[in-house]
Amino acid sequence: MIDTLASGEARDLLLQLPAMLEQELRAQPRAAGLRLLEAAHDNGLRMTARLRDFEVKDLLSLTQFFGFHTETFSLAVNFLDRFLSKMKVQPKHLGCVGLSCFYLAVKASEEERNVPLATDLIRISQYRFTVSDMMRMEKIILEKLCRKIKATTAFQFLQLYHSFIHENLSCERGKYLNFERLETQLKACHCRIMFSKAKPSVLALSIMALEIEEQKLLELTEALEFLQLHSKINDRELTFWKELVLKCLTEYSSSKCSKPNVQKLKWIVSGRTARQLKHSYYRITHLPTIPETTS
């Protein structure tokens, strides 16, 4: 077990943890509401987990298209799941709800100069509702979320855990934890509604734990145990979610798995409209595969 922290920065990171653990509970989707979505029959009239997952994949495609941060995507998923777990949403309104949650997250996380116009966002997403529709939906979402848009996300915990471990490892050993790979794994988990029932700290630590177990380095294992202790996560809870994460990532790696498709974002606009769109909108990138570990 780690008895002393390697640097002052590591101590500072650890001091942030109690506040984050307290805050994560204030912005959790209602588990009972999520279970209702999971149990709902897919008859086209009710919201279901499958429809939710499809919507989240579309939001991930938008995140990739615009080059937004993973934190923006995590925040959008948090808003969406909190709203769906509290309100009865008709499938025909899901696109407006999802895009409104995404836009709220973009405005909360991204630099102002990178925030797209609502009209462009709707056009690129190929939805038929208007800007007024989206603005009204934003107000409804903010009201139902009690204007709590500073949620502590799994991505923030992943960043803290990763930074802490790197501060307590040599540069040589620190290279074994590829943060890009961890981010991609988290995105894959966000596309499954089941992981919205996990506390963000638990989901982040589960992803870290699987990666560390694969490395089989004692120093990494000790750092993980240290973080688990200070995050107040018991072995049973961690094991439960690790197994689900492993199953998800195994399926995600399969060629049969349906992944977000940025090609859906190709749209037809007039030359005048195309010239008015920001140049950065054209940076269409393919969703990356989970990077291989360094052997």
C-alpha atoms as a PDB file:
ATOM      1  CA  MET A   1       0.000   0.000   0.000  1.00  0.00           C
ATOM      2  CA  ILE A   2       1.188   3.567  -0.693  1.00  0.00           C
ATOM      3  CA  ASP A   3       2.269   5.074   2.625  1.00  0.00           C
ATOM      4  CA  THR A   4       3.582   8.398   1.375  1.00  0.00           C
ATOM      5  CA  LEU A   5       2.542  10.451  -1.619  1.00  0.00           C
ATOM      6  CA  ALA A   6       5.227  11.099  -4.183  1.00  0.00           C
ATOM      7  CA  SER A   7       4.475  14.781  -4.779  1.00  0.00           C
ATOM      8  CA  GLY A   8       2.560  17.789  -3.565  1.00  0.00           C
ATOM      9  CA  GLU A   9       0.394  17.590  -6.681  1.00  0.00           C
ATOM     10  CA  ALA A  10      -0.644  14.057  -5.707  1.00  0.00           C
ATOM     11  CA  ARG A  11      -1.669  15.334  -2.279  1.00  0.00           C
ATOM     12  CA  ASP A  12      -3.664  18.143  -3.899  1.00  0.00           C
ATOM     13  CA  LEU A  13      -5.467  15.632  -6.117  1.00  0.00           C
ATOM     14  CA  LEU A  14      -6.366  13.526  -3.117  1.00  0.00           C
ATOM     15  CA  LEU A  15      -7.748  16.573  -1.325  1.00  0.00           C
ATOM     16  CA  GLN A  16     -10.191  17.110  -4.210  1.00  0.00           C
ATOM     17  CA  LEU A  17     -11.649  13.634  -3.852  1.00  0.00           C
ATOM     18  CA  PRO A  18     -13.997  14.080  -0.823  1.00  0.00           C
ATOM     19  CA  ALA A  19     -15.781  17.051  -2.420  1.00  0.00           C
ATOM     20  CA  MET A  20     -16.170  15.188  -5.715  1.00  0.00           C
ATOM     21  CA  LEU A  21     -17.566  12.121  -3.929  1.00  0.00           C
ATOM     22  CA  GLU A  22     -20.127  14.300  -2.171  1.00  0.00           C
ATOM     23  CA  GLN A  23     -21.099  16.163  -5.324  1.00  0.00           C
ATOM     24  CA  GLU A  24     -21.550  13.055  -7.465  1.00  0.00           C
ATOM     25  CA  LEU A  25     -24.540  11.975  -5.371  1.00  0.00           C
ATOM     26  CA  ARG A  26     -26.350  15.254  -6.084  1.00  0.00           C
ATOM     27  CA  ALA A  27     -26.428  14.716  -9.835  1.00  0.00           C
ATOM     28  CA  GLN A  28     -27.188  11.014 -10.135  1.00  0.00           C
ATOM     29  CA  PRO A  29     -30.031   9.833 -12.411  1.00  0.00           C
ATOM     30  CA  ARG A  30     -32.862   8.177 -10.504  1.00  0.00           C
ATOM     31  CA  ALA A  31     -32.155   4.454 -10.464  1.00  0.00           C
ATOM     32  CA  ALA A  32     -35.888   3.633 -10.330  1.00  0.00           C
ATOM     33  CA  GLY A  33     -36.500   5.730 -13.447  1.00  0.00           C
ATOM     34  CA  LEU A  34     -33.655   4.040 -15.321  1.00  0.00           C
ATOM     35  CA  ARG A  35     -35.012   0.613 -14.379  1.00  0.00           C
ATOM     36  CA  LEU A  36     -38.400   1.587 -15.827  1.00  0.00           C
ATOM     37  CA  LEU A  37     -36.702   2.378 -19.137  1.00  0.00           C
ATOM     38  CA  GLU A  38     -34.883  -0.961 -19.063  1.00  0.00           C
ATOM     39  CA  ALA A  39     -38.138  -2.808 -18.412  1.00  0.00           C
ATOM     40  CA  ALA A  40     -40.202  -0.938 -21.036  1.00  0.00           C
ATOM     41  CA  HIS A  41     -41.380  -2.891 -24.100  1.00  0.00           C
ATOM     42  CA  ASP A  42     -40.222  -1.557 -27.455  1.00  0.00           C
ATOM     43  CA  ASN A  43     -43.604  -0.860 -29.066  1.00  0.00           C
ATOM     44  CA  GLY A  44     -42.787   2.531 -30.564  1.00  0.00           C
ATOM     45  CA  LEU A  45     -44.994   4.345 -28.058  1.00  0.00           C
ATOM     46  CA  ARG A  46     -42.786   4.346 -24.971  1.00  0.00           C
ATOM     47  CA  MET A  47     -39.219   5.346 -24.217  1.00  0.00           C
ATOM     48  CA  THR A  48     -36.937   2.351 -23.871  1.00  0.00           C
ATOM     49  CA  ALA A  49     -33.318   1.678 -22.962  1.00  0.00           C
ATOM     50  CA  ARG A  50     -32.603   0.792 -26.595  1.00  0.00           C
ATOM     51  CA  LEU A  51     -33.855   4.175 -27.828  1.00  0.00           C
ATOM     52  CA  ARG A  52     -31.840   5.924 -25.148  1.00  0.00           C
ATOM     53  CA  ASP A  53     -28.678   4.069 -26.190  1.00  0.00           C
ATOM     54  CA  PHE A  54     -29.232   4.973 -29.852  1.00  0.00           C
ATOM     55  CA  GLU A  55     -29.610   8.635 -28.884  1.00  0.00           C
ATOM     56  CA  VAL A  56     -26.404   8.580 -26.834  1.00  0.00           C
ATOM     57  CA  LYS A  57     -24.524   7.081 -29.788  1.00  0.00           C
ATOM     58  CA  ASP A  58     -25.768   9.970 -31.913  1.00  0.00           C
ATOM     59  CA  LEU A  59     -24.493  12.417 -29.274  1.00  0.00           C
ATOM     60  CA  LEU A  60     -21.125  10.663 -29.351  1.00  0.00           C
ATOM     61  CA  SER A  61     -21.067  11.043 -33.140  1.00  0.00           C
ATOM     62  CA  LEU A  62     -21.701  14.771 -32.698  1.00  0.00           C
ATOM     63  CA  THR A  63     -18.940  14.977 -30.088  1.00  0.00           C
ATOM     64  CA  GLN A  64     -16.531  13.351 -32.540  1.00  0.00           C
ATOM     65  CA  PHE A  65     -17.726  15.521 -35.423  1.00  0.00           C
ATOM     66  CA  PHE A  66     -17.151  18.808 -33.591  1.00  0.00           C
ATOM     67  CA  GLY A  67     -13.996  17.657 -31.813  1.00  0.00           C
ATOM     68  CA  PHE A  68     -15.511  18.379 -28.403  1.00  0.00           C
ATOM     69  CA  HIS A  69     -14.010  17.091 -25.161  1.00  0.00           C
ATOM     70  CA  THR A  70     -15.017  13.809 -23.551  1.00  0.00           C
ATOM     71  CA  GLU A  71     -16.183  15.811 -20.535  1.00  0.00           C
ATOM     72  CA  THR A  72     -18.790  17.498 -22.750  1.00  0.00           C
ATOM     73  CA  PHE A  73     -20.098  14.099 -23.839  1.00  0.00           C
ATOM     74  CA  SER A  74     -20.144  12.756 -20.261  1.00  0.00           C
ATOM     75  CA  LEU A  75     -22.043  15.832 -19.109  1.00  0.00           C
ATOM     76  CA  ALA A  76     -24.587  15.531 -21.959  1.00  0.00           C
ATOM     77  CA  VAL A  77     -25.212  11.877 -21.037  1.00  0.00           C
ATOM     78  CA  ASN A  78     -25.675  12.875 -17.396  1.00  0.00           C
ATOM     79  CA  PHE A  79     -28.248  15.538 -18.328  1.00  0.00           C
ATOM     80  CA  LEU A  80     -30.105  13.144 -20.617  1.00  0.00           C
ATOM     81  CA  ASP A  81     -30.282  10.289 -18.120  1.00  0.00           C
ATOM     82  CA  ARG A  82     -31.306  12.547 -15.252  1.00  0.00           C
ATOM     83  CA  PHE A  83     -34.130  13.941 -17.377  1.00  0.00           C
ATOM     84  CA  LEU A  84     -35.272  10.562 -18.731  1.00  0.00           C
ATOM     85  CA  SER A  85     -35.242   9.079 -15.226  1.00  0.00           C
ATOM     86  CA  LYS A  86     -37.609  11.801 -14.009  1.00  0.00           C
ATOM     87  CA  MET A  87     -39.913  12.487 -16.959  1.00  0.00           C
ATOM     88  CA  LYS A  88     -42.062  10.451 -19.334  1.00  0.00           C
ATOM     89  CA  VAL A  89     -40.659  11.274 -22.756  1.00  0.00           C
ATOM     90  CA  GLN A  90     -42.331  10.193 -25.973  1.00  0.00           C
ATOM     91  CA  PRO A  91     -39.964   8.640 -28.529  1.00  0.00           C
ATOM     92  CA  LYS A  92     -40.838  11.353 -31.086  1.00  0.00           C
ATOM     93  CA  HIS A  93     -39.486  14.006 -28.701  1.00  0.00           C
ATOM     94  CA  LEU A  94     -36.267  12.163 -27.821  1.00  0.00           C
ATOM     95  CA  GLY A  95     -34.195  13.863 -30.545  1.00  0.00           C
ATOM     96  CA  CYS A  96     -35.102  17.306 -29.258  1.00  0.00           C
ATOM     97  CA  VAL A  97     -34.409  16.268 -25.657  1.00  0.00           C
ATOM     98  CA  GLY A  98     -31.064  14.698 -26.551  1.00  0.00           C
ATOM     99  CA  LEU A  99     -29.830  17.590 -28.678  1.00  0.00           C
ATOM    100  CA  SER A 100     -30.939  20.114 -26.038  1.00  0.00           C
ATOM    101  CA  CYS A 101     -28.992  18.209 -23.356  1.00  0.00           C
ATOM    102  CA  PHE A 102     -25.996  18.130 -25.680  1.00  0.00           C
ATOM    103  CA  TYR A 103     -26.214  21.874 -26.351  1.00  0.00           C
ATOM    104  CA  LEU A 104     -26.450  22.633 -22.626  1.00  0.00           C
ATOM    105  CA  ALA A 105     -23.349  20.517 -22.029  1.00  0.00           C
ATOM    106  CA  VAL A 106     -21.470  22.212 -24.871  1.00  0.00           C
ATOM    107  CA  LYS A 107     -22.239  25.667 -23.490  1.00  0.00           C
ATOM    108  CA  ALA A 108     -21.218  24.562 -20.000  1.00  0.00           C
ATOM    109  CA  SER A 109     -17.935  22.829 -20.974  1.00  0.00           C
ATOM    110  CA  GLU A 110     -16.540  24.215 -24.217  1.00  0.00           C
ATOM    111  CA  GLU A 111     -14.927  27.564 -24.921  1.00  0.00           C
ATOM    112  CA  GLU A 112     -17.472  30.105 -26.113  1.00  0.00           C
ATOM    113  CA  ARG A 113     -15.746  30.503 -29.485  1.00  0.00           C
ATOM    114  CA  ASN A 114     -16.250  26.766 -30.164  1.00  0.00           C
ATOM    115  CA  VAL A 115     -19.978  26.688 -29.391  1.00  0.00           C
ATOM    116  CA  PRO A 116     -21.933  26.174 -32.641  1.00  0.00           C
ATOM    117  CA  LEU A 117     -25.068  28.087 -33.520  1.00  0.00           C
ATOM    118  CA  ALA A 118     -28.273  26.249 -32.596  1.00  0.00           C
ATOM    119  CA  THR A 119     -29.424  26.470 -36.222  1.00  0.00           C
ATOM    120  CA  ASP A 120     -26.228  24.788 -37.436  1.00  0.00           C
ATOM    121  CA  LEU A 121     -26.431  22.107 -34.772  1.00  0.00           C
ATOM    122  CA  ILE A 122     -29.995  21.216 -35.782  1.00  0.00           C
ATOM    123  CA  ARG A 123     -29.108  21.247 -39.484  1.00  0.00           C
ATOM    124  CA  ILE A 124     -26.065  19.012 -39.011  1.00  0.00           C
ATOM    125  CA  SER A 125     -28.087  16.628 -36.839  1.00  0.00           C
ATOM    126  CA  GLN A 126     -30.765  16.468 -39.566  1.00  0.00           C
ATOM    127  CA  TYR A 127     -33.644  17.094 -37.178  1.00  0.00           C
ATOM    128  CA  ARG A 128     -36.873  18.804 -38.235  1.00  0.00           C
ATOM    129  CA  PHE A 129     -37.653  20.764 -35.084  1.00  0.00           C
ATOM    130  CA  THR A 130     -36.897  24.486 -34.858  1.00  0.00           C
ATOM    131  CA  VAL A 131     -34.536  26.554 -32.765  1.00  0.00           C
ATOM    132  CA  SER A 132     -37.559  27.755 -30.785  1.00  0.00           C
ATOM    133  CA  ASP A 133     -38.490  24.140 -30.058  1.00  0.00           C
ATOM    134  CA  MET A 134     -34.984  23.471 -28.770  1.00  0.00           C
ATOM    135  CA  MET A 135     -34.879  26.616 -26.649  1.00  0.00           C
ATOM    136  CA  ARG A 136     -38.192  25.678 -25.034  1.00  0.00           C
ATOM    137  CA  MET A 137     -36.895  22.175 -24.381  1.00  0.00           C
ATOM    138  CA  GLU A 138     -33.728  23.595 -22.817  1.00  0.00           C
ATOM    139  CA  LYS A 139     -35.843  25.574 -20.339  1.00  0.00           C
ATOM    140  CA  ILE A 140     -37.864  22.480 -19.450  1.00  0.00           C
ATOM    141  CA  ILE A 141     -34.714  20.418 -18.931  1.00  0.00           C
ATOM    142  CA  LEU A 142     -33.092  23.080 -16.755  1.00  0.00           C
ATOM    143  CA  GLU A 143     -36.253  23.322 -14.674  1.00  0.00           C
ATOM    144  CA  LYS A 144     -36.469  19.554 -14.143  1.00  0.00           C
ATOM    145  CA  LEU A 145     -32.751  19.332 -13.330  1.00  0.00           C
ATOM    146  CA  CYS A 146     -33.206  22.178 -10.837  1.00  0.00           C
ATOM    147  CA  ARG A 147     -30.562  24.062 -12.834  1.00  0.00           C
ATOM    148  CA  LYS A 148     -27.849  21.737 -11.504  1.00  0.00           C
ATOM    149  CA  ILE A 149     -25.604  21.702 -14.556  1.00  0.00           C
ATOM    150  CA  LYS A 150     -22.286  21.343 -12.728  1.00  0.00           C
ATOM    151  CA  ALA A 151     -22.430  17.588 -12.351  1.00  0.00           C
ATOM    152  CA  THR A 152     -19.381  15.576 -11.309  1.00  0.00           C
ATOM    153  CA  THR A 153     -18.899  13.063 -14.095  1.00  0.00           C
ATOM    154  CA  ALA A 154     -17.108   9.744 -14.485  1.00  0.00           C
ATOM    155  CA  PHE A 155     -14.674  11.506 -16.810  1.00  0.00           C
ATOM    156  CA  GLN A 156     -13.619  13.881 -14.034  1.00  0.00           C
ATOM    157  CA  PHE A 157     -12.946  10.932 -11.727  1.00  0.00           C
ATOM    158  CA  LEU A 158     -11.052   9.161 -14.504  1.00  0.00           C
ATOM    159  CA  GLN A 159      -8.869  12.242 -14.947  1.00  0.00           C
ATOM    160  CA  LEU A 160      -8.187  12.505 -11.217  1.00  0.00           C
ATOM    161  CA  TYR A 161      -7.403   8.801 -10.789  1.00  0.00           C
ATOM    162  CA  HIS A 162      -5.139   8.764 -13.829  1.00  0.00           C
ATOM    163  CA  SER A 163      -3.295  11.925 -12.748  1.00  0.00           C
ATOM    164  CA  PHE A 164      -2.864  10.607  -9.203  1.00  0.00           C
ATOM    165  CA  ILE A 165      -1.377   7.318 -10.376  1.00  0.00           C
ATOM    166  CA  HIS A 166       1.001   9.104 -12.740  1.00  0.00           C
ATOM    167  CA  GLU A 167       2.182  11.376  -9.935  1.00  0.00           C
ATOM    168  CA  ASN A 168       3.076   8.290  -7.888  1.00  0.00           C
ATOM    169  CA  LEU A 169       4.735   6.300 -10.668  1.00  0.00           C
ATOM    170  CA  SER A 170       8.012   6.613 -12.465  1.00  0.00           C
ATOM    171  CA  CYS A 171       7.801   8.001 -16.001  1.00  0.00           C
ATOM    172  CA  GLU A 172       8.750   4.590 -17.338  1.00  0.00           C
ATOM    173  CA  ARG A 173       5.877   2.808 -15.608  1.00  0.00           C
ATOM    174  CA  GLY A 174       3.417   5.651 -16.080  1.00  0.00           C
ATOM    175  CA  LYS A 175       3.410   5.134 -19.845  1.00  0.00           C
ATOM    176  CA  TYR A 176       1.528   1.857 -19.394  1.00  0.00           C
ATOM    177  CA  LEU A 177      -1.712   3.736 -18.651  1.00  0.00           C
ATOM    178  CA  ASN A 178      -2.893   5.207 -21.945  1.00  0.00           C
ATOM    179  CA  PHE A 179      -5.447   7.904 -21.110  1.00  0.00           C
ATOM    180  CA  GLU A 180      -6.826   7.999 -24.665  1.00  0.00           C
ATOM    181  CA  ARG A 181      -7.629   4.298 -24.332  1.00  0.00           C
ATOM    182  CA  LEU A 182      -9.329   4.896 -20.964  1.00  0.00           C
ATOM    183  CA  GLU A 183     -11.411   7.722 -22.474  1.00  0.00           C
ATOM    184  CA  THR A 184     -12.569   5.521 -25.338  1.00  0.00           C
ATOM    185  CA  GLN A 185     -13.549   2.790 -22.889  1.00  0.00           C
ATOM    186  CA  LEU A 186     -15.593   5.293 -20.867  1.00  0.00           C
ATOM    187  CA  LYS A 187     -17.381   6.493 -24.024  1.00  0.00           C
ATOM    188  CA  ALA A 188     -18.307   2.907 -24.856  1.00  0.00           C
ATOM    189  CA  CYS A 189     -19.767   2.441 -21.370  1.00  0.00           C
ATOM    190  CA  HIS A 190     -21.769   5.665 -21.612  1.00  0.00           C
ATOM    191  CA  CYS A 191     -23.554   4.159 -24.626  1.00  0.00           C
ATOM    192  CA  ARG A 192     -25.121   1.530 -22.328  1.00  0.00           C
ATOM    193  CA  ILE A 193     -27.826   2.739 -19.957  1.00  0.00           C
ATOM    194  CA  MET A 194     -26.840   0.200 -17.286  1.00  0.00           C
ATOM    195  CA  PHE A 195     -23.699   2.205 -16.452  1.00  0.00           C
ATOM    196  CA  SER A 196     -25.735   5.283 -15.597  1.00  0.00           C
ATOM    197  CA  LYS A 197     -26.855   3.387 -12.489  1.00  0.00           C
ATOM    198  CA  ALA A 198     -23.245   3.240 -11.274  1.00  0.00           C
ATOM    199  CA  LYS A 199     -21.769   6.112  -9.325  1.00  0.00           C
ATOM    200  CA  PRO A 200     -19.311   8.010 -11.556  1.00  0.00           C
ATOM    201  CA  SER A 201     -16.441   7.266  -9.166  1.00  0.00           C
ATOM    202  CA  VAL A 202     -17.190   3.530  -9.298  1.00  0.00           C
ATOM    203  CA  LEU A 203     -17.454   3.455 -13.093  1.00  0.00           C
ATOM    204  CA  ALA A 204     -14.166   5.340 -13.481  1.00  0.00           C
ATOM    205  CA  LEU A 205     -12.340   3.140 -10.975  1.00  0.00           C
ATOM    206  CA  SER A 206     -13.730  -0.023 -12.602  1.00  0.00           C
ATOM    207  CA  ILE A 207     -12.283   1.033 -15.952  1.00  0.00           C
ATOM    208  CA  MET A 208      -8.960   1.876 -14.297  1.00  0.00           C
ATOM    209  CA  ALA A 209      -8.940  -1.434 -12.402  1.00  0.00           C
ATOM    210  CA  LEU A 210      -9.416  -3.534 -15.533  1.00  0.00           C
ATOM    211  CA  GLU A 211      -6.598  -1.681 -17.264  1.00  0.00           C
ATOM    212  CA  ILE A 212      -4.275  -2.037 -14.263  1.00  0.00           C
ATOM    213  CA  GLU A 213      -5.026  -5.750 -13.875  1.00  0.00           C
ATOM    214  CA  GLU A 214      -4.011  -6.212 -17.489  1.00  0.00           C
ATOM    215  CA  GLN A 215      -0.607  -4.621 -16.768  1.00  0.00           C
ATOM    216  CA  LYS A 216       0.100  -6.883 -13.740  1.00  0.00           C
ATOM    217  CA  LEU A 217       2.386  -4.332 -12.073  1.00  0.00           C
ATOM    218  CA  LEU A 218       2.459  -4.363  -8.259  1.00  0.00           C
ATOM    219  CA  GLU A 219       2.995  -0.619  -8.011  1.00  0.00           C
ATOM    220  CA  LEU A 220      -0.089   0.067 -10.127  1.00  0.00           C
ATOM    221  CA  THR A 221      -2.159  -2.335  -8.023  1.00  0.00           C
ATOM    222  CA  GLU A 222      -1.093  -0.608  -4.808  1.00  0.00           C
ATOM    223  CA  ALA A 223      -2.063   2.774  -6.229  1.00  0.00           C
ATOM    224  CA  LEU A 224      -5.467   1.398  -7.236  1.00  0.00           C
ATOM    225  CA  GLU A 225      -6.087  -0.014  -3.748  1.00  0.00           C
ATOM    226  CA  PHE A 226      -5.129   3.338  -2.265  1.00  0.00           C
ATOM    227  CA  LEU A 227      -7.650   5.138  -4.497  1.00  0.00           C
ATOM    228  CA  GLN A 228     -10.334   2.547  -3.774  1.00  0.00           C
ATOM    229  CA  LEU A 229      -9.882   3.067  -0.038  1.00  0.00           C
ATOM    230  CA  HIS A 230     -10.089   6.859  -0.260  1.00  0.00           C
ATOM    231  CA  SER A 231     -13.048   6.668  -2.666  1.00  0.00           C
ATOM    232  CA  LYS A 232     -14.896   4.478  -0.130  1.00  0.00           C
ATOM    233  CA  ILE A 233     -15.672   1.793  -2.707  1.00  0.00           C
ATOM    234  CA  ASN A 234     -15.958  -1.738  -1.343  1.00  0.00           C
ATOM    235  CA  ASP A 235     -14.604  -4.828  -3.089  1.00  0.00           C
ATOM    236  CA  ARG A 236     -18.026  -6.271  -3.854  1.00  0.00           C
ATOM    237  CA  GLU A 237     -19.225  -3.090  -5.582  1.00  0.00           C
ATOM    238  CA  LEU A 238     -16.016  -2.757  -7.578  1.00  0.00           C
ATOM    239  CA  THR A 239     -16.072  -6.408  -8.669  1.00  0.00           C
ATOM    240  CA  PHE A 240     -19.719  -6.171  -9.747  1.00  0.00           C
ATOM    241  CA  TRP A 241     -19.130  -3.187 -12.042  1.00  0.00           C
ATOM    242  CA  LYS A 242     -15.773  -4.436 -13.305  1.00  0.00           C
ATOM    243  CA  GLU A 243     -17.474  -7.554 -14.640  1.00  0.00           C
ATOM    244  CA  LEU A 244     -20.104  -5.481 -16.443  1.00  0.00           C
ATOM    245  CA  VAL A 245     -17.482  -3.115 -17.882  1.00  0.00           C
ATOM    246  CA  LEU A 246     -15.418  -6.065 -19.106  1.00  0.00           C
ATOM    247  CA  LYS A 247     -18.466  -7.570 -20.816  1.00  0.00           C
ATOM    248  CA  CYS A 248     -19.314  -4.223 -22.430  1.00  0.00           C
ATOM    249  CA  LEU A 249     -15.782  -3.640 -23.712  1.00  0.00           C
ATOM    250  CA  THR A 250     -15.556  -7.177 -25.052  1.00  0.00           C
ATOM    251  CA  GLU A 251     -18.783  -6.655 -26.999  1.00  0.00           C
ATOM    252  CA  TYR A 252     -17.647  -3.197 -28.134  1.00  0.00           C
ATOM    253  CA  SER A 253     -14.500  -4.675 -29.612  1.00  0.00           C
ATOM    254  CA  SER A 254     -16.577  -7.140 -31.622  1.00  0.00           C
ATOM    255  CA  SER A 255     -17.177  -6.346 -35.293  1.00  0.00           C
ATOM    256  CA  LYS A 256     -20.851  -7.180 -34.714  1.00  0.00           C
ATOM    257  CA  CYS A 257     -21.302  -4.317 -32.271  1.00  0.00           C
ATOM    258  CA  SER A 258     -23.235  -1.303 -33.559  1.00  0.00           C
ATOM    259  CA  LYS A 259     -21.030   1.747 -33.029  1.00  0.00           C
ATOM    260  CA  PRO A 260     -21.712   5.475 -33.521  1.00  0.00           C
ATOM    261  CA  ASN A 261     -21.512   6.395 -37.173  1.00  0.00           C
ATOM    262  CA  VAL A 262     -20.214   9.856 -38.018  1.00  0.00           C
ATOM    263  CA  GLN A 263     -21.162   9.309 -41.649  1.00  0.00           C
ATOM    264  CA  LYS A 264     -24.771   9.937 -40.591  1.00  0.00           C
ATOM    265  CA  LEU A 265     -23.747  13.557 -40.125  1.00  0.00           C
ATOM    266  CA  LYS A 266     -23.255  14.147 -43.840  1.00  0.00           C
ATOM    267  CA  TRP A 267     -25.880  16.652 -44.856  1.00  0.00           C
ATOM    268  CA  ILE A 268     -27.023  18.506 -47.978  1.00  0.00           C
ATOM    269  CA  VAL A 269     -26.967  22.296 -47.785  1.00  0.00           C
ATOM    270  CA  SER A 270     -26.786  25.135 -50.260  1.00  0.00           C
ATOM    271  CA  GLY A 271     -23.429  26.668 -51.125  1.00  0.00           C
ATOM    272  CA  ARG A 272     -24.386  29.801 -49.221  1.00  0.00           C
ATOM    273  CA  THR A 273     -25.225  27.844 -46.081  1.00  0.00           C
ATOM    274  CA  ALA A 274     -22.007  25.818 -46.342  1.00  0.00           C
ATOM    275  CA  ARG A 275     -19.956  29.004 -46.491  1.00  0.00           C
ATOM    276  CA  GLN A 276     -21.653  30.259 -43.335  1.00  0.00           C
ATOM    277  CA  LEU A 277     -20.764  27.175 -41.304  1.00  0.00           C
ATOM    278  CA  LYS A 278     -17.591  27.311 -39.242  1.00  0.00           C
ATOM    279  CA  HIS A 279     -14.581  25.746 -40.934  1.00  0.00           C
ATOM    280  CA  SER A 280     -14.058  23.479 -37.899  1.00  0.00           C
ATOM    281  CA  TYR A 281     -17.386  21.767 -38.651  1.00  0.00           C
ATOM    282  CA  TYR A 282     -15.744  19.918 -41.500  1.00  0.00           C
ATOM    283  CA  ARG A 283     -13.349  17.994 -39.254  1.00  0.00           C
ATOM    284  CA  ILE A 284     -15.197  14.684 -39.502  1.00  0.00           C
ATOM    285  CA  THR A 285     -13.214  11.952 -37.780  1.00  0.00           C
ATOM    286  CA  HIS A 286     -13.950   8.278 -37.436  1.00  0.00           C
ATOM    287  CA  LEU A 287     -14.744   6.907 -33.993  1.00  0.00           C
ATOM    288  CA  PRO A 288     -11.453   5.409 -32.811  1.00  0.00           C
ATOM    289  CA  THR A 289     -11.060   1.831 -31.733  1.00  0.00           C
ATOM    290  CA  ILE A 290      -9.841   1.317 -28.196  1.00  0.00           C
ATOM    291  CA  PRO A 291      -6.048   1.689 -28.424  1.00  0.00           C
ATOM    292  CA  GLU A 292      -3.947  -1.376 -27.729  1.00  0.00           C
ATOM    293  CA  THR A 293      -1.937  -1.436 -24.525  1.00  0.00           C
ATOM    294  CA  THR A 294       1.803  -0.951 -24.632  1.00  0.00           C
ATOM    295  CA  SER A 295       3.507  -4.308 -24.238  1.00  0.00           C
END
